[in-house]
Amino acid sequence: MAAAYRRTAKYAVEIREEGQNFVVVFTAKDGRDGNESEVADDVQSFFNDVLDEQLRQQLEQKTGRIRDLIVQHAFSPIDLRKEVRK
């Protein structure tokens, strides 16, 4: 969804599930009729963005809890008197 959203300035994007596959349809906005090379570049960028988003999800699953603990510790209250004495 995020990868498709990045294309919404130029295209209306439809995503539908067909069995175990997803079909993504890009329709040029404002009657644009991009040249074949431009459309091919946009599709290739979309595929790369899909891979990027998949990797982000995998990393989130593996390291999300660690990140949450670090943020929680970073924003936890501190005793400034103890910090000043160090």
PDB file of N, CA and C in Angstrom:
ATOM      1  N   MET A   1       0.822  -1.189   0.000  1.00  0.00           N
ATOM      2  CA  MET A   1       0.000   0.000   0.000  1.00  0.00           C
ATOM      3  C   MET A   1       0.869   1.257   0.000  1.00  0.00           C
ATOM      4  N   ALA A   2       1.918   1.261   0.812  1.00  0.00           N
ATOM      5  CA  ALA A   2       2.788   2.433   0.865  1.00  0.00           C
ATOM      6  C   ALA A   2       3.482   2.663  -0.475  1.00  0.00           C
ATOM      7  N   ALA A   3       3.922   1.598  -1.097  1.00  0.00           N
ATOM      8  CA  ALA A   3       4.591   1.719  -2.399  1.00  0.00           C
ATOM      9  C   ALA A   3       3.615   2.260  -3.442  1.00  0.00           C
ATOM     10  N   ALA A   4       2.381   1.823  -3.419  1.00  0.00           N
ATOM     11  CA  ALA A   4       1.375   2.311  -4.361  1.00  0.00           C
ATOM     12  C   ALA A   4       1.039   3.765  -4.071  1.00  0.00           C
ATOM     13  N   TYR A   5       0.954   4.110  -2.800  1.00  0.00           N
ATOM     14  CA  TYR A   5       0.605   5.477  -2.414  1.00  0.00           C
ATOM     15  C   TYR A   5       1.605   6.488  -2.981  1.00  0.00           C
ATOM     16  N   ARG A   6       2.859   6.091  -3.053  1.00  0.00           N
ATOM     17  CA  ARG A   6       3.885   7.000  -3.575  1.00  0.00           C
ATOM     18  C   ARG A   6       3.642   7.372  -5.039  1.00  0.00           C
ATOM     19  N   ARG A   7       2.799   6.640  -5.722  1.00  0.00           N
ATOM     20  CA  ARG A   7       2.534   6.892  -7.148  1.00  0.00           C
ATOM     21  C   ARG A   7       1.242   7.663  -7.385  1.00  0.00           C
ATOM     22  N   THR A   8       0.534   8.041  -6.319  1.00  0.00           N
ATOM     23  CA  THR A   8      -0.796   8.628  -6.496  1.00  0.00           C
ATOM     24  C   THR A   8      -0.782  10.035  -7.073  1.00  0.00           C
ATOM     25  N   ALA A   9       0.352  10.682  -7.146  1.00  0.00           N
ATOM     26  CA  ALA A   9       0.402  11.992  -7.797  1.00  0.00           C
ATOM     27  C   ALA A   9       0.203  11.848  -9.303  1.00  0.00           C
ATOM     28  N   LYS A  10       0.715  10.767  -9.861  1.00  0.00           N
ATOM     29  CA  LYS A  10       0.642  10.553 -11.312  1.00  0.00           C
ATOM     30  C   LYS A  10      -0.427   9.554 -11.733  1.00  0.00           C
ATOM     31  N   TYR A  11      -0.793   8.638 -10.817  1.00  0.00           N
ATOM     32  CA  TYR A  11      -1.680   7.539 -11.187  1.00  0.00           C
ATOM     33  C   TYR A  11      -2.792   7.347 -10.155  1.00  0.00           C
ATOM     34  N   ALA A  12      -3.939   6.885 -10.637  1.00  0.00           N
ATOM     35  CA  ALA A  12      -4.934   6.298  -9.747  1.00  0.00           C
ATOM     36  C   ALA A  12      -4.514   4.834  -9.630  1.00  0.00           C
ATOM     37  N   VAL A  13      -4.440   4.334  -8.410  1.00  0.00           N
ATOM     38  CA  VAL A  13      -3.915   2.990  -8.197  1.00  0.00           C
ATOM     39  C   VAL A  13      -5.003   2.111  -7.593  1.00  0.00           C
ATOM     40  N   GLU A  14      -5.209   0.972  -8.217  1.00  0.00           N
ATOM     41  CA  GLU A  14      -6.156  -0.017  -7.716  1.00  0.00           C
ATOM     42  C   GLU A  14      -5.377  -1.272  -7.358  1.00  0.00           C
ATOM     43  N   ILE A  15      -5.630  -1.791  -6.163  1.00  0.00           N
ATOM     44  CA  ILE A  15      -4.991  -3.034  -5.719  1.00  0.00           C
ATOM     45  C   ILE A  15      -6.112  -4.008  -5.382  1.00  0.00           C
ATOM     46  N   ARG A  16      -6.039  -5.176  -5.976  1.00  0.00           N
ATOM     47  CA  ARG A  16      -7.047  -6.197  -5.654  1.00  0.00           C
ATOM     48  C   ARG A  16      -6.352  -7.552  -5.521  1.00  0.00           C
ATOM     49  N   GLU A  17      -6.970  -8.363  -4.703  1.00  0.00           N
ATOM     50  CA  GLU A  17      -6.443  -9.701  -4.449  1.00  0.00           C
ATOM     51  C   GLU A  17      -7.161 -10.690  -5.354  1.00  0.00           C
ATOM     52  N   GLU A  18      -6.377 -11.505  -6.033  1.00  0.00           N
ATOM     53  CA  GLU A  18      -6.937 -12.565  -6.874  1.00  0.00           C
ATOM     54  C   GLU A  18      -6.261 -13.866  -6.477  1.00  0.00           C
ATOM     55  N   GLY A  19      -6.958 -14.643  -5.658  1.00  0.00           N
ATOM     56  CA  GLY A  19      -6.365 -15.869  -5.125  1.00  0.00           C
ATOM     57  C   GLY A  19      -5.221 -15.501  -4.198  1.00  0.00           C
ATOM     58  N   GLN A  20      -4.057 -16.048  -4.480  1.00  0.00           N
ATOM     59  CA  GLN A  20      -2.879 -15.744  -3.661  1.00  0.00           C
ATOM     60  C   GLN A  20      -2.035 -14.622  -4.265  1.00  0.00           C
ATOM     61  N   ASN A  21      -2.545 -13.991  -5.307  1.00  0.00           N
ATOM     62  CA  ASN A  21      -1.820 -12.923  -5.989  1.00  0.00           C
ATOM     63  C   ASN A  21      -2.505 -11.584  -5.773  1.00  0.00           C
ATOM     64  N   PHE A  22      -1.734 -10.537  -5.928  1.00  0.00           N
ATOM     65  CA  PHE A  22      -2.261  -9.188  -5.921  1.00  0.00           C
ATOM     66  C   PHE A  22      -2.111  -8.617  -7.322  1.00  0.00           C
ATOM     67  N   VAL A  23      -3.137  -7.935  -7.763  1.00  0.00           N
ATOM     68  CA  VAL A  23      -3.097  -7.254  -9.056  1.00  0.00           C
ATOM     69  C   VAL A  23      -3.097  -5.758  -8.764  1.00  0.00           C
ATOM     70  N   VAL A  24      -2.137  -5.064  -9.350  1.00  0.00           N
ATOM     71  CA  VAL A  24      -2.026  -3.617  -9.160  1.00  0.00           C
ATOM     72  C   VAL A  24      -2.227  -2.972 -10.523  1.00  0.00           C
ATOM     73  N   VAL A  25      -3.200  -2.069 -10.590  1.00  0.00           N
ATOM     74  CA  VAL A  25      -3.517  -1.394 -11.848  1.00  0.00           C
ATOM     75  C   VAL A  25      -3.242   0.097 -11.670  1.00  0.00           C
ATOM     76  N   PHE A  26      -2.393   0.632 -12.535  1.00  0.00           N
ATOM     77  CA  PHE A  26      -2.091   2.055 -12.544  1.00  0.00           C
ATOM     78  C   PHE A  26      -2.834   2.693 -13.711  1.00  0.00           C
ATOM     79  N   THR A  27      -3.612   3.718 -13.434  1.00  0.00           N
ATOM     80  CA  THR A  27      -4.293   4.467 -14.485  1.00  0.00           C
ATOM     81  C   THR A  27      -3.793   5.904 -14.410  1.00  0.00           C
ATOM     82  N   ALA A  28      -3.242   6.389 -15.515  1.00  0.00           N
ATOM     83  CA  ALA A  28      -2.685   7.741 -15.534  1.00  0.00           C
ATOM     84  C   ALA A  28      -3.770   8.757 -15.211  1.00  0.00           C
ATOM     85  N   LYS A  29      -3.403   9.762 -14.386  1.00  0.00           N
ATOM     86  CA  LYS A  29      -4.340  10.817 -14.013  1.00  0.00           C
ATOM     87  C   LYS A  29      -4.358  11.911 -15.068  1.00  0.00           C
ATOM     88  N   ASP A  30      -5.415  12.677 -15.061  1.00  0.00           N
ATOM     89  CA  ASP A  30      -5.545  13.872 -15.901  1.00  0.00           C
ATOM     90  C   ASP A  30      -5.306  13.585 -17.368  1.00  0.00           C
ATOM     91  N   GLY A  31      -5.715  12.414 -17.829  1.00  0.00           N
ATOM     92  CA  GLY A  31      -5.567  12.094 -19.239  1.00  0.00           C
ATOM     93  C   GLY A  31      -4.132  11.973 -19.703  1.00  0.00           C
ATOM     94  N   ARG A  32      -3.218  11.875 -18.759  1.00  0.00           N
ATOM     95  CA  ARG A  32      -1.810  11.706 -19.126  1.00  0.00           C
ATOM     96  C   ARG A  32      -1.643  10.414 -19.895  1.00  0.00           C
ATOM     97  N   ASP A  33      -0.769  10.443 -20.822  1.00  0.00           N
ATOM     98  CA  ASP A  33      -0.445   9.241 -21.571  1.00  0.00           C
ATOM     99  C   ASP A  33       1.071   9.159 -21.624  1.00  0.00           C
ATOM    100  N   GLY A  34       1.660   8.783 -20.493  1.00  0.00           N
ATOM    101  CA  GLY A  34       3.116   8.754 -20.399  1.00  0.00           C
ATOM    102  C   GLY A  34       3.736   7.877 -21.468  1.00  0.00           C
ATOM    103  N   ASN A  35       4.942   8.245 -21.860  1.00  0.00           N
ATOM    104  CA  ASN A  35       5.612   7.411 -22.864  1.00  0.00           C
ATOM    105  C   ASN A  35       5.990   6.077 -22.250  1.00  0.00           C
ATOM    106  N   GLU A  36       6.227   5.127 -23.097  1.00  0.00           N
ATOM    107  CA  GLU A  36       6.479   3.747 -22.653  1.00  0.00           C
ATOM    108  C   GLU A  36       7.663   3.673 -21.691  1.00  0.00           C
ATOM    109  N   SER A  37       8.697   4.422 -21.971  1.00  0.00           N
ATOM    110  CA  SER A  37       9.893   4.413 -21.125  1.00  0.00           C
ATOM    111  C   SER A  37       9.592   4.957 -19.733  1.00  0.00           C
ATOM    112  N   GLU A  38       8.827   6.036 -19.666  1.00  0.00           N
ATOM    113  CA  GLU A  38       8.474   6.631 -18.381  1.00  0.00           C
ATOM    114  C   GLU A  38       7.617   5.675 -17.549  1.00  0.00           C
ATOM    115  N   VAL A  39       6.651   5.050 -18.184  1.00  0.00           N
ATOM    116  CA  VAL A  39       5.774   4.101 -17.487  1.00  0.00           C
ATOM    117  C   VAL A  39       6.589   2.909 -16.994  1.00  0.00           C
ATOM    118  N   ALA A  40       7.491   2.404 -17.822  1.00  0.00           N
ATOM    119  CA  ALA A  40       8.340   1.277 -17.420  1.00  0.00           C
ATOM    120  C   ALA A  40       9.199   1.658 -16.221  1.00  0.00           C
ATOM    121  N   ASP A  41       9.734   2.872 -16.215  1.00  0.00           N
ATOM    122  CA  ASP A  41      10.534   3.345 -15.078  1.00  0.00           C
ATOM    123  C   ASP A  41       9.680   3.432 -13.819  1.00  0.00           C
ATOM    124  N   ASP A  42       8.451   3.932 -13.952  1.00  0.00           N
ATOM    125  CA  ASP A  42       7.554   4.039 -12.802  1.00  0.00           C
ATOM    126  C   ASP A  42       7.211   2.661 -12.238  1.00  0.00           C
ATOM    127  N   VAL A  43       6.971   1.702 -13.106  1.00  0.00           N
ATOM    128  CA  VAL A  43       6.654   0.343 -12.655  1.00  0.00           C
ATOM    129  C   VAL A  43       7.854  -0.276 -11.955  1.00  0.00           C
ATOM    130  N   GLN A  44       9.035  -0.088 -12.521  1.00  0.00           N
ATOM    131  CA  GLN A  44      10.248  -0.626 -11.899  1.00  0.00           C
ATOM    132  C   GLN A  44      10.481   0.011 -10.527  1.00  0.00           C
ATOM    133  N   SER A  45      10.255   1.306 -10.421  1.00  0.00           N
ATOM    134  CA  SER A  45      10.385   1.983  -9.121  1.00  0.00           C
ATOM    135  C   SER A  45       9.370   1.443  -8.127  1.00  0.00           C
ATOM    136  N   PHE A  46       8.161   1.158  -8.611  1.00  0.00           N
ATOM    137  CA  PHE A  46       7.134   0.577  -7.746  1.00  0.00           C
ATOM    138  C   PHE A  46       7.596  -0.766  -7.199  1.00  0.00           C
ATOM    139  N   PHE A  47       8.132  -1.630  -8.068  1.00  0.00           N
ATOM    140  CA  PHE A  47       8.621  -2.936  -7.613  1.00  0.00           C
ATOM    141  C   PHE A  47       9.717  -2.780  -6.564  1.00  0.00           C
ATOM    142  N   ASN A  48      10.628  -1.849  -6.787  1.00  0.00           N
ATOM    143  CA  ASN A  48      11.701  -1.610  -5.814  1.00  0.00           C
ATOM    144  C   ASN A  48      11.135  -1.122  -4.482  1.00  0.00           C
ATOM    145  N   ASP A  49      10.122  -0.261  -4.548  1.00  0.00           N
ATOM    146  CA  ASP A  49       9.502   0.231  -3.322  1.00  0.00           C
ATOM    147  C   ASP A  49       8.761  -0.874  -2.575  1.00  0.00           C
ATOM    148  N   VAL A  50       8.144  -1.798  -3.315  1.00  0.00           N
ATOM    149  CA  VAL A  50       7.481  -2.936  -2.669  1.00  0.00           C
ATOM    150  C   VAL A  50       8.511  -3.760  -1.897  1.00  0.00           C
ATOM    151  N   LEU A  51       9.658  -4.030  -2.513  1.00  0.00           N
ATOM    152  CA  LEU A  51      10.730  -4.769  -1.827  1.00  0.00           C
ATOM    153  C   LEU A  51      11.201  -4.012  -0.591  1.00  0.00           C
ATOM    154  N   ASP A  52      11.343  -2.703  -0.719  1.00  0.00           N
ATOM    155  CA  ASP A  52      11.766  -1.870   0.410  1.00  0.00           C
ATOM    156  C   ASP A  52      10.770  -1.971   1.557  1.00  0.00           C
ATOM    157  N   GLU A  53       9.495  -1.894   1.250  1.00  0.00           N
ATOM    158  CA  GLU A  53       8.467  -1.979   2.290  1.00  0.00           C
ATOM    159  C   GLU A  53       8.443  -3.362   2.941  1.00  0.00           C
ATOM    160  N   GLN A  54       8.652  -4.410   2.154  1.00  0.00           N
ATOM    161  CA  GLN A  54       8.712  -5.760   2.723  1.00  0.00           C
ATOM    162  C   GLN A  54       9.881  -5.875   3.693  1.00  0.00           C
ATOM    163  N   LEU A  55      11.018  -5.334   3.317  1.00  0.00           N
ATOM    164  CA  LEU A  55      12.190  -5.368   4.199  1.00  0.00           C
ATOM    165  C   LEU A  55      11.929  -4.579   5.471  1.00  0.00           C
ATOM    166  N   ARG A  56      11.284  -3.418   5.352  1.00  0.00           N
ATOM    167  CA  ARG A  56      10.950  -2.626   6.538  1.00  0.00           C
ATOM    168  C   ARG A  56      10.068  -3.416   7.497  1.00  0.00           C
ATOM    169  N   GLN A  57       9.085  -4.126   6.952  1.00  0.00           N
ATOM    170  CA  GLN A  57       8.198  -4.933   7.797  1.00  0.00           C
ATOM    171  C   GLN A  57       8.960  -6.049   8.500  1.00  0.00           C
ATOM    172  N   GLN A  58       9.838  -6.717   7.766  1.00  0.00           N
ATOM    173  CA  GLN A  58      10.622  -7.800   8.369  1.00  0.00           C
ATOM    174  C   GLN A  58      11.516  -7.266   9.485  1.00  0.00           C
ATOM    175  N   LEU A  59      12.160  -6.127   9.245  1.00  0.00           N
ATOM    176  CA  LEU A  59      13.010  -5.538  10.277  1.00  0.00           C
ATOM    177  C   LEU A  59      12.195  -5.108  11.489  1.00  0.00           C
ATOM    178  N   GLU A  60      11.011  -4.571  11.242  1.00  0.00           N
ATOM    179  CA  GLU A  60      10.134  -4.170  12.337  1.00  0.00           C
ATOM    180  C   GLU A  60       9.756  -5.378  13.194  1.00  0.00           C
ATOM    181  N   GLN A  61       9.461  -6.488  12.553  1.00  0.00           N
ATOM    182  CA  GLN A  61       9.102  -7.697  13.290  1.00  0.00           C
ATOM    183  C   GLN A  61      10.277  -8.194  14.125  1.00  0.00           C
ATOM    184  N   LYS A  62      11.484  -8.093  13.577  1.00  0.00           N
ATOM    185  CA  LYS A  62      12.663  -8.603  14.280  1.00  0.00           C
ATOM    186  C   LYS A  62      13.174  -7.648  15.352  1.00  0.00           C
ATOM    187  N   THR A  63      13.100  -6.351  15.106  1.00  0.00           N
ATOM    188  CA  THR A  63      13.768  -5.400  16.001  1.00  0.00           C
ATOM    189  C   THR A  63      12.826  -4.391  16.634  1.00  0.00           C
ATOM    190  N   GLY A  64      11.545  -4.457  16.336  1.00  0.00           N
ATOM    191  CA  GLY A  64      10.596  -3.469  16.849  1.00  0.00           C
ATOM    192  C   GLY A  64      10.578  -3.389  18.366  1.00  0.00           C
ATOM    193  N   ARG A  65      10.629  -4.520  19.022  1.00  0.00           N
ATOM    194  CA  ARG A  65      10.598  -4.529  20.499  1.00  0.00           C
ATOM    195  C   ARG A  65      11.847  -3.855  21.068  1.00  0.00           C
ATOM    196  N   ILE A  66      12.984  -4.088  20.453  1.00  0.00           N
ATOM    197  CA  ILE A  66      14.221  -3.448  20.913  1.00  0.00           C
ATOM    198  C   ILE A  66      14.117  -1.938  20.757  1.00  0.00           C
ATOM    199  N   ARG A  67      13.618  -1.482  19.603  1.00  0.00           N
ATOM    200  CA  ARG A  67      13.438  -0.048  19.379  1.00  0.00           C
ATOM    201  C   ARG A  67      12.509   0.549  20.425  1.00  0.00           C
ATOM    202  N   ASP A  68      11.406  -0.141  20.716  1.00  0.00           N
ATOM    203  CA  ASP A  68      10.460   0.355  21.714  1.00  0.00           C
ATOM    204  C   ASP A  68      11.107   0.489  23.082  1.00  0.00           C
ATOM    205  N   LEU A  69      11.946  -0.482  23.454  1.00  0.00           N
ATOM    206  CA  LEU A  69      12.637  -0.411  24.741  1.00  0.00           C
ATOM    207  C   LEU A  69      13.615   0.756  24.792  1.00  0.00           C
ATOM    208  N   ILE A  70      14.326   0.992  23.710  1.00  0.00           N
ATOM    209  CA  ILE A  70      15.273   2.107  23.661  1.00  0.00           C
ATOM    210  C   ILE A  70      14.535   3.441  23.793  1.00  0.00           C
ATOM    211  N   VAL A  71      13.438   3.586  23.062  1.00  0.00           N
ATOM    212  CA  VAL A  71      12.660   4.823  23.138  1.00  0.00           C
ATOM    213  C   VAL A  71      12.079   4.994  24.529  1.00  0.00           C
ATOM    214  N   GLN A  72      11.566   3.922  25.096  1.00  0.00           N
ATOM    215  CA  GLN A  72      11.001   3.989  26.442  1.00  0.00           C
ATOM    216  C   GLN A  72      12.066   4.430  27.439  1.00  0.00           C
ATOM    217  N   HIS A  73      13.251   3.861  27.340  1.00  0.00           N
ATOM    218  CA  HIS A  73      14.341   4.239  28.252  1.00  0.00           C
ATOM    219  C   HIS A  73      14.773   5.686  28.013  1.00  0.00           C
ATOM    220  N   ALA A  74      14.861   6.093  26.769  1.00  0.00           N
ATOM    221  CA  ALA A  74      15.308   7.450  26.449  1.00  0.00           C
ATOM    222  C   ALA A  74      14.355   8.506  27.002  1.00  0.00           C
ATOM    223  N   PHE A  75      13.076   8.193  27.054  1.00  0.00           N
ATOM    224  CA  PHE A  75      12.101   9.171  27.523  1.00  0.00           C
ATOM    225  C   PHE A  75      11.609   8.900  28.946  1.00  0.00           C
ATOM    226  N   SER A  76      12.263   7.998  29.638  1.00  0.00           N
ATOM    227  CA  SER A  76      11.857   7.733  31.017  1.00  0.00           C
ATOM    228  C   SER A  76      12.386   8.851  31.910  1.00  0.00           C
ATOM    229  N   PRO A  77      11.684   9.100  32.995  1.00  0.00           N
ATOM    230  CA  PRO A  77      12.129  10.158  33.910  1.00  0.00           C
ATOM    231  C   PRO A  77      13.512   9.828  34.473  1.00  0.00           C
ATOM    232  N   ILE A  78      14.292  10.862  34.671  1.00  0.00           N
ATOM    233  CA  ILE A  78      15.615  10.657  35.274  1.00  0.00           C
ATOM    234  C   ILE A  78      15.702  11.476  36.555  1.00  0.00           C
ATOM    235  N   ASP A  79      16.554  11.054  37.415  1.00  0.00           N
ATOM    236  CA  ASP A  79      16.810  11.792  38.638  1.00  0.00           C
ATOM    237  C   ASP A  79      18.004  12.696  38.349  1.00  0.00           C
ATOM    238  N   LEU A  80      17.747  13.964  38.110  1.00  0.00           N
ATOM    239  CA  LEU A  80      18.808  14.897  37.719  1.00  0.00           C
ATOM    240  C   LEU A  80      19.872  15.048  38.805  1.00  0.00           C
ATOM    241  N   ARG A  81      19.493  14.887  40.048  1.00  0.00           N
ATOM    242  CA  ARG A  81      20.492  14.999  41.116  1.00  0.00           C
ATOM    243  C   ARG A  81      21.558  13.931  40.970  1.00  0.00           C
ATOM    244  N   LYS A  82      21.153  12.706  40.626  1.00  0.00           N
ATOM    245  CA  LYS A  82      22.117  11.627  40.435  1.00  0.00           C
ATOM    246  C   LYS A  82      22.954  11.878  39.190  1.00  0.00           C
ATOM    247  N   GLU A  83      22.343  12.419  38.141  1.00  0.00           N
ATOM    248  CA  GLU A  83      23.067  12.669  36.901  1.00  0.00           C
ATOM    249  C   GLU A  83      24.117  13.762  37.084  1.00  0.00           C
ATOM    250  N   VAL A  84      23.823  14.780  37.861  1.00  0.00           N
ATOM    251  CA  VAL A  84      24.757  15.884  38.078  1.00  0.00           C
ATOM    252  C   VAL A  84      25.963  15.415  38.878  1.00  0.00           C
ATOM    253  N   ARG A  85      25.802  14.492  39.803  1.00  0.00           N
ATOM    254  CA  ARG A  85      26.886  14.007  40.657  1.00  0.00           C
ATOM    255  C   ARG A  85      27.875  13.167  39.882  1.00  0.00           C
ATOM    256  N   LYS A  86      27.533  12.612  38.778  1.00  0.00           N
ATOM    257  CA  LYS A  86      28.415  11.725  38.035  1.00  0.00           C
ATOM    258  C   LYS A  86      29.598  12.421  37.482  1.00  0.00           C
TER     259      LYS A  86
END
